[in-house]
Amino acid sequence: MEFNLADLFEVVVDTVPEREALVVAGGGTVRSRLRYDELAARVARVAGGLARRGVGVGDHVGIHLFNCAEYVEVMLALFSLRAVPVNVNHRYVAEELDYLFRDAELRAVVTEPELAATVRSVAGHLPLLHTVVERGEDYERLVAEAPARPPDVGPRSADDLYLLYTGGTTGKPKGVMWRHEDVYFAALGGRGVPSQGIAPLAAPGELPERIRRDAGPGRRLPLCPLMHGGAQWIALQALLSGGSLVLDVDRHFEPADALDVIAAERVELVMVIGDATARPLADALRQQPGRWDLSALQVVASGGAVLSPAVTAALAEVVPTAKVVDTFGASETGGQGRLARRGPGDTPRLVTDGDTAVLGEDLRPVAPGAVGRLARRGHVPLGYWKDEARTAATFPVVDGERWAVPGDYAVREHDGTVTLLGRGATCINTGGEKVYPEEVEAAIKQHPAVFDCLVVGVPDERFGQRVAAVVACQPGVPWPGDDALEAEVRRHLAGYKVPRAWVRVAHCERLPTGKADYTWARDAAEAAVWAS
């Protein structure tokens, strides 16, 4: 057996078949539970059902679902078929879905009943996309009609593909291609957890003993959608280590409900997305001290957005038994370590390992104190799906070794630590969601009254940043109003990309080259927001 995700899951099932695998909760209460043997039986039937509907080895299948047990079942079933799950943002409108479906070359999509009409309207124009399965009656029919054992798809391989779609600097999503073995070691637990005495795996045969020991936080709850890589990785970390995945299926985050589940299910690790999730949890615990028994909670980990010092301190106060950590990584690198501050006002430093470096423009390590781009080697992706140019730029090969250099700028300090400076592009991080200005600007400019615009992020206490648009109208044309501009953006983009602040200016400043002057735009947006 190689390090293949489907094989690894089956080892867990064989080792601890009666251990609890999946707990589905909503509204603060548990809705269902599955042991590993029960989950495996469902996964086998889903695989068989998808195969009967034409899904084969290497086919790309979109998972267009809210958080639910079916998301986990479909993902694992596709691994077992040697097919490739593709995460699809359930907030996308038809225009965005059309781009992703074409780019990913989807052959099938599993979707929600309320989203199916939009999916089918797009699928009708795509000859490759032959199957749409709706969660609910259609999905359960697929399971019921399937054989108990999935078809033989030949020997699985460490080279089987894991594809994770993520945003690009122009807003167009791109697929990051991982080998199963590489993503397992980079993001899913294969490296072990040195701080907890869990050594890296040297061979697949070592996995049963690790599972029996049940080392590390076993019961994990990601408080974010599975369509994001971070949540998928937390889920797979739990399931490939013999732990329990506790899944919150509420569409809207309610801190009290989440805390009810964390307490009742004795959750040991909770993943949040920066202050947007962590602050409401801390506030609820402060307002109702003693209501929740969180003595089992060992780790509160933030991924996708950095926790502010104030929220970190608040969590440490209200959950003193838990370790609060900022994890750091990217779709292109996997987990790279954690961020640590020496004091409340200090810039966070990255605590990482020897596979991480800060490289200069010559792709050589920079001198101490110099600025470069954060890079990682070892178990890194193959590149971007169907994009050789971006692959060459982001995954350069230096002296025969491939590096992942996604664009985070950093300083290698004299003591060997790394200080992060941020993404070189103008990406806006609002509550863990990435918003790219050029995409929003293009949507705003669809309105006939708009002459020019620039989109930036301005500080937001809860979400870290909010999207703000600085807009200049056509000469002599009156301001169309915030509502009209918002409606225009919503026609083209998901709701989280819509600006929350609109600033009217006579003209938008640009550099002599014609490129956007985002420094000017940010100053103008922040001044207007503070004045209001």
Protein backbone atom coordinates (compact mmCIF):
# COMPACT_ATOMS: atom_id res chain seq x y z
CA MET A 1 0.00 0.00 0.00
CA GLU A 2 1.20 3.48 -0.89
CA PHE A 3 0.20 6.75 0.78
CA ASN A 4 -3.13 6.98 -1.05
CA LEU A 5 -6.02 8.73 0.72
CA ALA A 6 -8.59 6.03 -0.03
CA ASP A 7 -6.22 3.29 1.14
CA LEU A 8 -5.42 5.22 4.31
CA PHE A 9 -9.11 5.64 5.12
CA GLU A 10 -9.69 1.92 4.66
CA VAL A 11 -6.82 1.15 7.05
CA VAL A 12 -8.56 3.28 9.68
CA VAL A 13 -11.86 1.47 9.05
CA ASP A 14 -10.18 -1.93 9.39
CA THR A 15 -8.36 -0.86 12.57
CA VAL A 16 -11.19 0.82 14.51
CA PRO A 17 -14.46 -0.08 12.73
CA GLU A 18 -16.69 0.64 15.73
CA ARG A 19 -15.08 3.96 16.68
CA GLU A 20 -17.23 7.04 16.06
CA ALA A 21 -16.22 8.69 12.76
CA LEU A 22 -18.74 11.43 11.94
CA VAL A 23 -21.06 13.51 14.11
CA VAL A 24 -23.45 15.85 12.31
CA ALA A 25 -24.84 18.73 14.38
CA GLY A 26 -27.09 21.68 13.71
CA GLY A 27 -28.93 24.19 15.84
CA GLY A 28 -26.77 23.18 18.79
CA THR A 29 -27.91 19.53 18.78
CA VAL A 30 -26.68 16.32 17.19
CA ARG A 31 -28.64 15.11 14.17
CA SER A 32 -26.78 11.92 13.29
CA ARG A 33 -23.77 9.75 14.12
CA LEU A 34 -21.81 7.25 12.05
CA ARG A 35 -19.19 4.75 13.12
CA TYR A 36 -16.27 4.08 10.77
CA ASP A 37 -17.79 0.85 9.47
CA GLU A 38 -21.12 2.61 8.84
CA LEU A 39 -19.44 5.53 7.06
CA ALA A 40 -17.37 3.12 4.97
CA ALA A 41 -20.52 1.25 3.89
CA ARG A 42 -22.12 4.52 2.78
CA VAL A 43 -18.94 5.58 0.96
CA ALA A 44 -18.80 2.27 -0.92
CA ARG A 45 -22.38 2.64 -2.13
CA VAL A 46 -21.88 6.28 -3.14
CA ALA A 47 -18.82 5.20 -5.14
CA GLY A 48 -20.80 2.45 -6.82
CA GLY A 49 -23.69 4.79 -7.56
CA LEU A 50 -21.45 7.44 -9.09
CA ALA A 51 -19.71 4.78 -11.18
CA ARG A 52 -23.11 3.61 -12.50
CA ARG A 53 -23.80 7.20 -13.54
CA GLY A 54 -20.64 7.34 -15.57
CA VAL A 55 -17.91 8.56 -13.22
CA GLY A 56 -14.61 6.84 -13.96
CA VAL A 57 -10.93 6.92 -13.06
CA GLY A 58 -9.48 10.41 -13.35
CA ASP A 59 -12.85 12.14 -13.87
CA HIS A 60 -13.31 15.49 -12.16
CA VAL A 61 -16.51 15.77 -10.08
CA GLY A 62 -17.74 18.99 -8.49
CA ILE A 63 -18.94 18.97 -4.87
CA HIS A 64 -21.35 21.90 -4.72
CA LEU A 65 -22.78 21.32 -1.25
CA PHE A 66 -23.25 23.06 2.05
CA ASN A 67 -21.70 21.36 5.07
CA CYS A 68 -23.33 17.94 5.37
CA ALA A 69 -22.50 14.26 5.78
CA GLU A 70 -22.90 13.82 2.03
CA TYR A 71 -19.96 16.16 1.39
CA VAL A 72 -17.69 13.80 3.31
CA GLU A 73 -19.21 10.69 1.69
CA VAL A 74 -18.80 12.01 -1.85
CA MET A 75 -15.22 13.15 -1.28
CA LEU A 76 -14.16 9.78 0.14
CA ALA A 77 -16.12 7.90 -2.54
CA LEU A 78 -14.33 9.75 -5.32
CA PHE A 79 -10.95 8.98 -3.77
CA SER A 80 -11.91 5.29 -3.74
CA LEU A 81 -12.88 5.46 -7.44
CA ARG A 82 -9.59 7.20 -8.25
CA ALA A 83 -11.70 10.11 -9.46
CA VAL A 84 -11.00 13.72 -8.44
CA PRO A 85 -13.29 15.79 -6.19
CA VAL A 86 -13.42 19.50 -7.02
CA ASN A 87 -14.54 21.96 -4.35
CA VAL A 88 -17.16 24.38 -5.71
CA ASN A 89 -18.10 27.52 -3.81
CA HIS A 90 -21.84 27.33 -3.09
CA ARG A 91 -22.01 31.13 -3.17
CA TYR A 92 -21.04 31.37 -6.83
CA VAL A 93 -23.54 32.74 -9.33
CA ALA A 94 -24.03 31.20 -12.79
CA GLU A 95 -21.26 33.24 -14.44
CA GLU A 96 -18.72 32.06 -11.88
CA LEU A 97 -19.91 28.45 -11.99
CA ASP A 98 -19.64 28.41 -15.78
CA TYR A 99 -15.99 29.45 -15.59
CA LEU A 100 -15.07 26.91 -12.91
CA PHE A 101 -16.98 24.01 -14.51
CA ARG A 102 -15.25 24.66 -17.85
CA ASP A 103 -11.83 25.18 -16.36
CA ALA A 104 -12.01 22.06 -14.17
CA GLU A 105 -13.51 19.98 -17.00
CA LEU A 106 -16.17 18.58 -14.70
CA ARG A 107 -17.94 15.38 -15.73
CA ALA A 108 -20.44 15.39 -12.86
CA VAL A 109 -21.65 17.64 -10.04
CA VAL A 110 -23.30 16.78 -6.72
CA THR A 111 -25.35 19.79 -5.64
CA GLU A 112 -28.06 21.05 -3.32
CA PRO A 113 -31.73 21.02 -4.42
CA GLU A 114 -31.97 24.79 -4.02
CA LEU A 115 -28.85 25.28 -6.16
CA ALA A 116 -29.66 22.66 -8.78
CA ALA A 117 -31.54 24.95 -11.19
CA THR A 118 -28.51 27.22 -11.56
CA VAL A 119 -26.19 24.24 -11.95
CA ARG A 120 -28.39 22.67 -14.63
CA SER A 121 -28.63 25.97 -16.53
CA VAL A 122 -24.84 26.02 -16.73
CA ALA A 123 -24.44 22.29 -17.36
CA GLY A 124 -26.72 22.50 -20.39
CA HIS A 125 -23.99 24.36 -22.27
CA LEU A 126 -21.13 22.05 -21.25
CA PRO A 127 -20.86 18.81 -23.26
CA LEU A 128 -18.39 17.20 -20.85
CA LEU A 129 -20.72 17.60 -17.84
CA HIS A 130 -23.08 14.65 -18.17
CA THR A 131 -24.40 14.08 -14.62
CA VAL A 132 -25.99 16.28 -11.96
CA VAL A 133 -26.94 14.63 -8.66
CA GLU A 134 -29.14 16.48 -6.16
CA ARG A 135 -28.70 15.87 -2.45
CA GLY A 136 -31.88 14.38 -0.95
CA GLU A 137 -34.10 11.91 -2.80
CA ASP A 138 -31.90 11.76 -5.91
CA TYR A 139 -28.77 11.14 -3.85
CA GLU A 140 -30.41 8.50 -1.65
CA ARG A 141 -31.73 6.75 -4.76
CA LEU A 142 -28.17 6.65 -6.08
CA VAL A 143 -27.06 5.04 -2.79
CA ALA A 144 -29.94 2.55 -2.63
CA GLU A 145 -29.50 1.34 -6.21
CA ALA A 146 -25.71 0.94 -5.93
CA PRO A 147 -23.95 -2.34 -5.23
CA ALA A 148 -22.55 -2.86 -1.74
CA ARG A 149 -19.04 -2.95 -3.17
CA PRO A 150 -17.68 -0.33 -5.58
CA PRO A 151 -16.20 -1.39 -8.93
CA ASP A 152 -12.56 -2.41 -9.27
CA VAL A 153 -10.66 0.61 -10.57
CA GLY A 154 -7.21 -0.93 -10.60
CA PRO A 155 -4.35 -0.31 -8.17
CA ARG A 156 -4.49 3.01 -6.37
CA SER A 157 -1.41 5.14 -6.32
CA ALA A 158 0.37 7.79 -4.29
CA ASP A 159 0.24 9.74 -7.58
CA ASP A 160 -3.59 9.89 -7.66
CA LEU A 161 -4.74 13.50 -7.89
CA TYR A 162 -6.17 15.76 -5.19
CA LEU A 163 -7.36 19.04 -6.75
CA LEU A 164 -8.10 22.11 -4.67
CA TYR A 165 -9.54 25.22 -6.30
CA THR A 166 -8.50 28.56 -4.88
CA GLY A 167 -8.76 32.21 -5.93
CA GLY A 168 -6.27 33.93 -8.23
CA THR A 169 -4.87 37.43 -8.38
CA THR A 170 -7.50 38.30 -11.01
CA GLY A 171 -10.23 36.56 -9.05
CA LYS A 172 -10.47 33.59 -11.41
CA PRO A 173 -10.20 30.38 -9.39
CA LYS A 174 -7.36 28.02 -10.23
CA GLY A 175 -6.88 24.38 -9.35
CA VAL A 176 -3.89 23.38 -7.26
CA MET A 177 -2.79 19.85 -8.18
CA TRP A 178 -1.50 17.66 -5.37
CA ARG A 179 -0.40 14.05 -5.39
CA HIS A 180 -2.23 12.11 -2.66
CA GLU A 181 1.03 11.36 -0.88
CA ASP A 182 2.21 14.96 -0.97
CA VAL A 183 -1.00 16.48 0.41
CA TYR A 184 -1.09 13.79 3.11
CA PHE A 185 2.34 14.77 4.36
CA ALA A 186 1.93 18.51 3.77
CA ALA A 187 -1.52 19.04 5.27
CA LEU A 188 -3.23 15.90 6.59
CA GLY A 189 -1.06 14.60 9.39
CA GLY A 190 1.64 12.54 7.72
CA ARG A 191 4.31 14.84 9.12
CA GLY A 192 3.17 14.09 12.64
CA VAL A 193 2.95 16.61 15.46
CA PRO A 194 6.36 17.00 17.10
CA SER A 195 5.01 19.17 19.93
CA GLN A 196 2.74 16.28 20.96
CA GLY A 197 5.33 13.56 20.47
CA ILE A 198 3.71 12.23 17.28
CA ALA A 199 6.50 11.36 14.84
CA PRO A 200 6.14 11.48 11.03
CA LEU A 201 5.05 8.27 9.37
CA ALA A 202 7.83 6.41 7.59
CA ALA A 203 5.59 3.75 6.05
CA PRO A 204 1.84 3.15 5.70
CA GLY A 205 2.18 0.09 7.94
CA GLU A 206 2.86 2.38 10.90
CA LEU A 207 -0.61 3.91 10.67
CA PRO A 208 -2.59 1.21 12.55
CA GLU A 209 -0.42 1.57 15.64
CA ARG A 210 -0.83 5.37 15.59
CA ILE A 211 -4.58 4.93 15.25
CA ARG A 212 -4.71 2.53 18.20
CA ARG A 213 -2.75 4.99 20.35
CA ASP A 214 -5.30 7.67 19.46
CA ALA A 215 -2.64 10.37 19.97
CA GLY A 216 -3.38 14.07 19.56
CA PRO A 217 -6.73 15.91 19.49
CA GLY A 218 -9.16 13.26 18.29
CA ARG A 219 -12.49 15.10 18.10
CA ARG A 220 -12.23 17.98 15.64
CA LEU A 221 -14.75 20.62 14.60
CA PRO A 222 -14.11 22.99 11.67
CA LEU A 223 -16.33 26.08 12.07
CA CYS A 224 -16.19 26.91 8.37
CA PRO A 225 -17.45 25.44 5.07
CA LEU A 226 -15.93 22.24 3.70
CA MET A 227 -15.66 23.95 0.33
CA HIS A 228 -12.52 25.65 1.75
CA GLY A 229 -9.24 23.77 1.85
CA GLY A 230 -8.63 24.44 5.55
CA ALA A 231 -11.91 22.80 6.59
CA GLN A 232 -11.30 19.84 4.26
CA TRP A 233 -7.87 19.34 5.77
CA ILE A 234 -9.21 19.40 9.34
CA ALA A 235 -11.89 16.88 8.32
CA LEU A 236 -9.40 14.55 6.66
CA GLN A 237 -6.94 14.91 9.54
CA ALA A 238 -9.64 13.56 11.83
CA LEU A 239 -10.78 10.75 9.56
CA LEU A 240 -7.32 9.54 8.50
CA SER A 241 -6.05 9.40 12.08
CA GLY A 242 -8.97 7.48 13.58
CA GLY A 243 -10.44 10.55 15.23
CA SER A 244 -13.98 11.92 15.08
CA LEU A 245 -15.13 14.67 12.75
CA VAL A 246 -17.81 16.85 14.32
CA LEU A 247 -19.53 18.76 11.51
CA ASP A 248 -21.64 21.88 11.98
CA VAL A 249 -24.26 22.02 9.22
CA ASP A 250 -25.82 25.36 10.22
CA ARG A 251 -25.81 27.75 7.27
CA HIS A 252 -25.35 30.76 9.54
CA PHE A 253 -22.86 30.76 12.38
CA GLU A 254 -24.44 31.02 15.83
CA PRO A 255 -21.80 31.07 18.57
CA ALA A 256 -24.08 29.73 21.32
CA ASP A 257 -25.12 26.76 19.15
CA ALA A 258 -21.50 26.04 18.29
CA LEU A 259 -20.52 26.15 21.96
CA ASP A 260 -23.40 23.80 22.84
CA VAL A 261 -21.95 21.24 20.42
CA ILE A 262 -18.33 21.78 21.50
CA ALA A 263 -19.29 21.18 25.11
CA ALA A 264 -21.70 18.26 24.60
CA GLU A 265 -19.44 16.42 22.16
CA ARG A 266 -16.26 16.99 24.14
CA VAL A 267 -14.58 18.54 21.11
CA GLU A 268 -10.79 18.70 21.45
CA LEU A 269 -9.84 20.92 18.50
CA VAL A 270 -11.87 23.75 16.98
CA MET A 271 -10.87 25.49 13.77
CA VAL A 272 -11.98 29.12 13.37
CA ILE A 273 -11.34 31.73 10.68
CA GLY A 274 -9.75 34.68 12.42
CA ASP A 275 -11.70 37.17 14.48
CA ALA A 276 -14.87 36.73 12.41
CA THR A 277 -15.52 33.40 14.15
CA ALA A 278 -13.36 33.68 17.25
CA ARG A 279 -14.64 37.03 18.52
CA PRO A 280 -18.32 35.93 18.75
CA LEU A 281 -17.23 32.76 20.57
CA ALA A 282 -15.20 34.76 23.08
CA ASP A 283 -18.03 37.27 23.55
CA ALA A 284 -20.58 34.51 24.22
CA LEU A 285 -18.30 32.89 26.78
CA ARG A 286 -17.77 36.21 28.53
CA GLN A 287 -21.49 37.00 28.60
CA GLN A 288 -22.49 33.59 29.97
CA PRO A 289 -19.63 32.37 32.16
CA GLY A 290 -20.04 28.83 33.42
CA ARG A 291 -22.68 27.82 30.87
CA TRP A 292 -20.38 25.59 28.81
CA ASP A 293 -17.99 22.93 30.04
CA LEU A 294 -15.03 23.22 27.66
CA SER A 295 -12.59 21.19 29.74
CA ALA A 296 -12.00 18.78 26.84
CA LEU A 297 -10.99 21.56 24.45
CA GLN A 298 -7.23 21.44 23.85
CA VAL A 299 -6.72 23.67 20.79
CA VAL A 300 -8.45 26.64 19.17
CA ALA A 301 -6.73 26.98 15.81
CA SER A 302 -7.28 29.84 13.38
CA GLY A 303 -6.69 29.23 9.69
CA GLY A 304 -7.24 31.49 6.69
CA ALA A 305 -7.10 34.72 8.72
CA VAL A 306 -4.87 35.93 11.53
CA LEU A 307 -6.31 36.42 15.01
CA SER A 308 -5.89 39.89 16.48
CA PRO A 309 -3.95 40.11 19.75
CA ALA A 310 -7.11 41.26 21.57
CA VAL A 311 -9.16 38.25 20.47
CA THR A 312 -6.27 35.88 21.17
CA ALA A 313 -6.08 37.25 24.71
CA ALA A 314 -9.86 37.04 25.13
CA LEU A 315 -9.92 33.38 24.09
CA ALA A 316 -7.03 32.58 26.41
CA GLU A 317 -8.98 34.18 29.25
CA VAL A 318 -12.30 32.42 28.68
CA VAL A 319 -10.83 29.02 27.65
CA PRO A 320 -7.72 28.83 29.84
CA THR A 321 -7.25 25.09 29.30
CA ALA A 322 -6.93 25.44 25.52
CA LYS A 323 -3.98 26.51 23.41
CA VAL A 324 -4.88 29.33 20.99
CA VAL A 325 -2.81 29.14 17.80
CA ASP A 326 -2.66 30.91 14.47
CA THR A 327 -1.88 28.30 11.84
CA PHE A 328 -0.25 29.43 8.63
CA GLY A 329 -0.29 27.87 5.20
CA ALA A 330 -1.76 28.09 1.73
CA SER A 331 -3.47 25.93 -0.85
CA GLU A 332 -0.09 25.82 -2.60
CA THR A 333 1.99 24.80 0.44
CA GLY A 334 -0.16 22.95 2.93
CA GLY A 335 0.47 23.75 6.57
CA GLN A 336 3.70 25.69 7.06
CA GLY A 337 3.59 26.22 10.80
CA ARG A 338 2.09 28.62 13.28
CA LEU A 339 2.37 32.31 14.05
CA ALA A 340 3.67 33.39 17.43
CA ARG A 341 4.05 36.79 19.09
CA ARG A 342 6.68 37.55 21.70
CA GLY A 343 4.51 40.28 23.16
CA PRO A 344 1.03 41.84 22.66
CA GLY A 345 2.26 44.49 20.22
CA ASP A 346 4.83 42.41 18.35
CA THR A 347 4.59 41.39 14.72
CA PRO A 348 3.86 37.65 14.57
CA ARG A 349 6.76 35.38 13.67
CA LEU A 350 6.36 32.14 11.75
CA VAL A 351 7.41 29.03 13.65
CA THR A 352 8.18 26.49 10.93
CA ASP A 353 10.68 23.83 9.88
CA GLY A 354 13.70 23.38 7.64
CA ASP A 355 11.61 22.97 4.48
CA THR A 356 10.61 26.64 4.60
CA ALA A 357 12.88 29.42 3.33
CA VAL A 358 12.74 33.07 2.28
CA LEU A 359 13.93 33.34 -1.32
CA GLY A 360 15.05 36.38 -3.27
CA GLU A 361 14.33 37.17 -6.91
CA ASP A 362 17.20 34.84 -7.86
CA LEU A 363 15.41 32.01 -6.00
CA ARG A 364 18.25 31.78 -3.49
CA PRO A 365 17.87 32.23 0.29
CA VAL A 366 18.09 35.89 1.28
CA ALA A 367 20.55 37.25 3.81
CA PRO A 368 19.30 37.81 7.37
CA GLY A 369 17.25 40.99 7.55
CA ALA A 370 16.42 40.99 3.84
CA VAL A 371 12.96 40.76 2.28
CA GLY A 372 12.01 37.89 0.02
CA ARG A 373 9.19 35.53 -0.77
CA LEU A 374 8.22 32.74 1.57
CA ALA A 375 8.82 29.36 -0.06
CA ARG A 376 8.42 25.69 0.78
CA ARG A 377 10.01 22.56 -0.65
CA GLY A 378 9.52 18.83 -0.12
CA HIS A 379 5.90 17.69 -0.31
CA VAL A 380 4.48 20.48 -2.50
CA PRO A 381 1.94 20.48 -5.35
CA LEU A 382 2.64 19.51 -8.94
CA GLY A 383 1.37 22.89 -10.10
CA TYR A 384 -1.81 24.54 -11.34
CA TRP A 385 -4.33 22.65 -13.43
CA LYS A 386 -3.99 23.63 -17.12
CA ASP A 387 -1.76 26.65 -16.42
CA GLU A 388 1.87 26.06 -17.32
CA ALA A 389 2.84 29.73 -17.04
CA ARG A 390 1.53 30.14 -13.50
CA THR A 391 2.95 26.77 -12.55
CA ALA A 392 6.41 27.81 -13.70
CA ALA A 393 6.16 31.08 -11.74
CA THR A 394 4.76 29.66 -8.50
CA PHE A 395 6.45 26.24 -8.47
CA PRO A 396 9.96 26.85 -9.79
CA VAL A 397 12.50 24.03 -9.92
CA VAL A 398 15.86 25.04 -8.44
CA ASP A 399 18.78 22.63 -8.67
CA GLY A 400 16.37 19.80 -9.40
CA GLU A 401 14.11 20.56 -6.43
CA ARG A 402 10.58 21.96 -6.79
CA TRP A 403 9.58 24.86 -4.53
CA ALA A 404 6.17 26.40 -3.82
CA VAL A 405 6.40 30.21 -3.81
CA PRO A 406 2.79 31.49 -3.67
CA GLY A 407 3.63 35.17 -3.13
CA ASP A 408 3.79 35.89 0.60
CA TYR A 409 6.54 38.36 1.35
CA ALA A 410 8.63 37.86 4.47
CA VAL A 411 11.87 38.75 6.27
CA ARG A 412 14.34 36.15 7.48
CA GLU A 413 15.37 37.56 10.84
CA HIS A 414 18.89 37.32 12.26
CA ASP A 415 17.74 34.78 14.85
CA GLY A 416 16.42 32.48 12.12
CA THR A 417 12.73 33.25 12.62
CA VAL A 418 10.52 34.57 9.83
CA THR A 419 8.42 37.75 9.95
CA LEU A 420 5.53 37.78 7.48
CA LEU A 421 4.77 40.95 5.53
CA GLY A 422 1.72 39.82 3.59
CA ARG A 423 0.71 38.77 0.10
CA GLY A 424 2.38 40.80 -2.60
CA ALA A 425 -0.90 41.10 -4.49
CA THR A 426 -3.74 43.27 -3.26
CA CYS A 427 -5.89 40.41 -1.99
CA ILE A 428 -8.54 41.38 0.58
CA ASN A 429 -9.16 38.91 3.39
CA THR A 430 -12.63 39.41 4.83
CA GLY A 431 -13.54 36.83 7.47
CA GLY A 432 -11.31 34.25 5.82
CA GLU A 433 -12.83 34.77 2.35
CA LYS A 434 -10.39 36.00 -0.27
CA VAL A 435 -11.58 38.86 -2.47
CA TYR A 436 -9.49 40.09 -5.36
CA PRO A 437 -9.95 43.75 -6.32
CA GLU A 438 -9.67 43.41 -10.09
CA GLU A 439 -12.60 41.02 -10.23
CA VAL A 440 -14.86 43.31 -8.18
CA GLU A 441 -13.75 46.36 -10.15
CA ALA A 442 -14.70 44.62 -13.38
CA ALA A 443 -18.19 43.91 -12.02
CA ILE A 444 -18.70 47.50 -10.80
CA LYS A 445 -17.68 48.86 -14.19
CA GLN A 446 -20.55 46.97 -15.76
CA HIS A 447 -22.84 49.71 -14.42
CA PRO A 448 -23.28 52.38 -17.13
CA ALA A 449 -22.79 55.27 -14.70
CA VAL A 450 -19.32 54.15 -13.62
CA PHE A 451 -16.23 55.65 -15.24
CA ASP A 452 -13.53 54.16 -13.05
CA CYS A 453 -13.18 52.43 -9.72
CA LEU A 454 -10.66 50.89 -7.37
CA VAL A 455 -11.44 48.27 -4.73
CA VAL A 456 -9.47 47.92 -1.49
CA GLY A 457 -9.77 46.42 1.96
CA VAL A 458 -10.36 48.67 4.96
CA PRO A 459 -10.03 47.57 8.60
CA ASP A 460 -13.01 45.85 10.18
CA GLU A 461 -13.12 44.91 13.87
CA ARG A 462 -14.81 41.56 13.36
CA PHE A 463 -13.86 40.43 9.85
CA GLY A 464 -10.33 41.82 9.72
CA GLN A 465 -11.09 43.69 6.50
CA ARG A 466 -14.19 44.75 4.64
CA VAL A 467 -14.44 45.42 0.92
CA ALA A 468 -14.60 49.10 -0.04
CA ALA A 469 -15.04 50.61 -3.50
CA VAL A 470 -13.79 54.03 -4.57
CA VAL A 471 -15.90 55.02 -7.58
CA ALA A 472 -15.78 57.82 -10.16
CA CYS A 473 -18.86 58.36 -12.33
CA GLN A 474 -19.02 59.20 -15.99
CA PRO A 475 -18.70 63.00 -16.56
CA GLY A 476 -22.06 64.66 -16.02
CA VAL A 477 -23.73 61.46 -14.84
CA PRO A 478 -25.31 61.55 -11.36
CA TRP A 479 -24.36 59.08 -8.63
CA PRO A 480 -26.51 55.96 -9.19
CA GLY A 481 -26.71 55.16 -5.47
CA ASP A 482 -25.11 52.47 -3.35
CA ASP A 483 -28.02 50.06 -3.82
CA ALA A 484 -27.80 50.19 -7.61
CA LEU A 485 -24.07 49.54 -7.58
CA GLU A 486 -24.46 46.70 -5.10
CA ALA A 487 -27.15 45.12 -7.27
CA GLU A 488 -24.82 45.28 -10.27
CA VAL A 489 -22.04 43.47 -8.42
CA ARG A 490 -24.44 40.81 -7.15
CA ARG A 491 -25.38 40.03 -10.75
CA HIS A 492 -21.83 38.86 -11.41
CA LEU A 493 -20.28 37.81 -8.11
CA ALA A 494 -20.96 36.04 -4.82
CA GLY A 495 -22.30 38.13 -1.95
CA TYR A 496 -19.11 38.15 0.12
CA LYS A 497 -17.36 40.03 -2.71
CA VAL A 498 -19.86 42.91 -2.70
CA PRO A 499 -18.38 46.16 -1.29
CA ARG A 500 -19.69 47.13 2.12
CA ALA A 501 -18.54 50.73 1.72
CA TRP A 502 -18.94 52.98 -1.33
CA VAL A 503 -16.84 56.13 -1.74
CA ARG A 504 -17.62 58.69 -4.46
CA VAL A 505 -14.67 60.58 -5.95
CA ALA A 506 -14.18 62.92 -8.91
CA HIS A 507 -11.53 60.65 -10.39
CA CYS A 508 -9.48 57.60 -9.47
CA GLU A 509 -5.75 58.17 -9.12
CA ARG A 510 -3.50 55.94 -11.18
CA LEU A 511 0.25 55.61 -11.47
CA PRO A 512 2.10 56.98 -14.51
CA THR A 513 2.13 53.46 -15.92
CA GLY A 514 -1.67 53.42 -15.81
CA LYS A 515 -1.74 50.88 -13.02
CA ALA A 516 -4.04 51.43 -10.07
CA ASP A 517 -2.76 53.51 -7.18
CA TYR A 518 -4.08 51.33 -4.41
CA THR A 519 -2.29 53.30 -1.72
CA TRP A 520 -4.28 56.40 -2.68
CA ALA A 521 -7.49 54.38 -2.93
CA ARG A 522 -6.99 52.82 0.49
CA ASP A 523 -6.35 56.22 2.08
CA ALA A 524 -9.48 57.66 0.45
CA ALA A 525 -11.61 54.69 1.50
CA GLU A 526 -10.39 54.66 5.10
CA ALA A 527 -10.89 58.43 5.44
CA ALA A 528 -14.47 58.15 4.18
CA VAL A 529 -15.26 55.15 6.39
CA TRP A 530 -13.88 56.83 9.51
CA ALA A 531 -15.72 60.07 8.69
CA SER A 532 -19.01 58.19 8.46
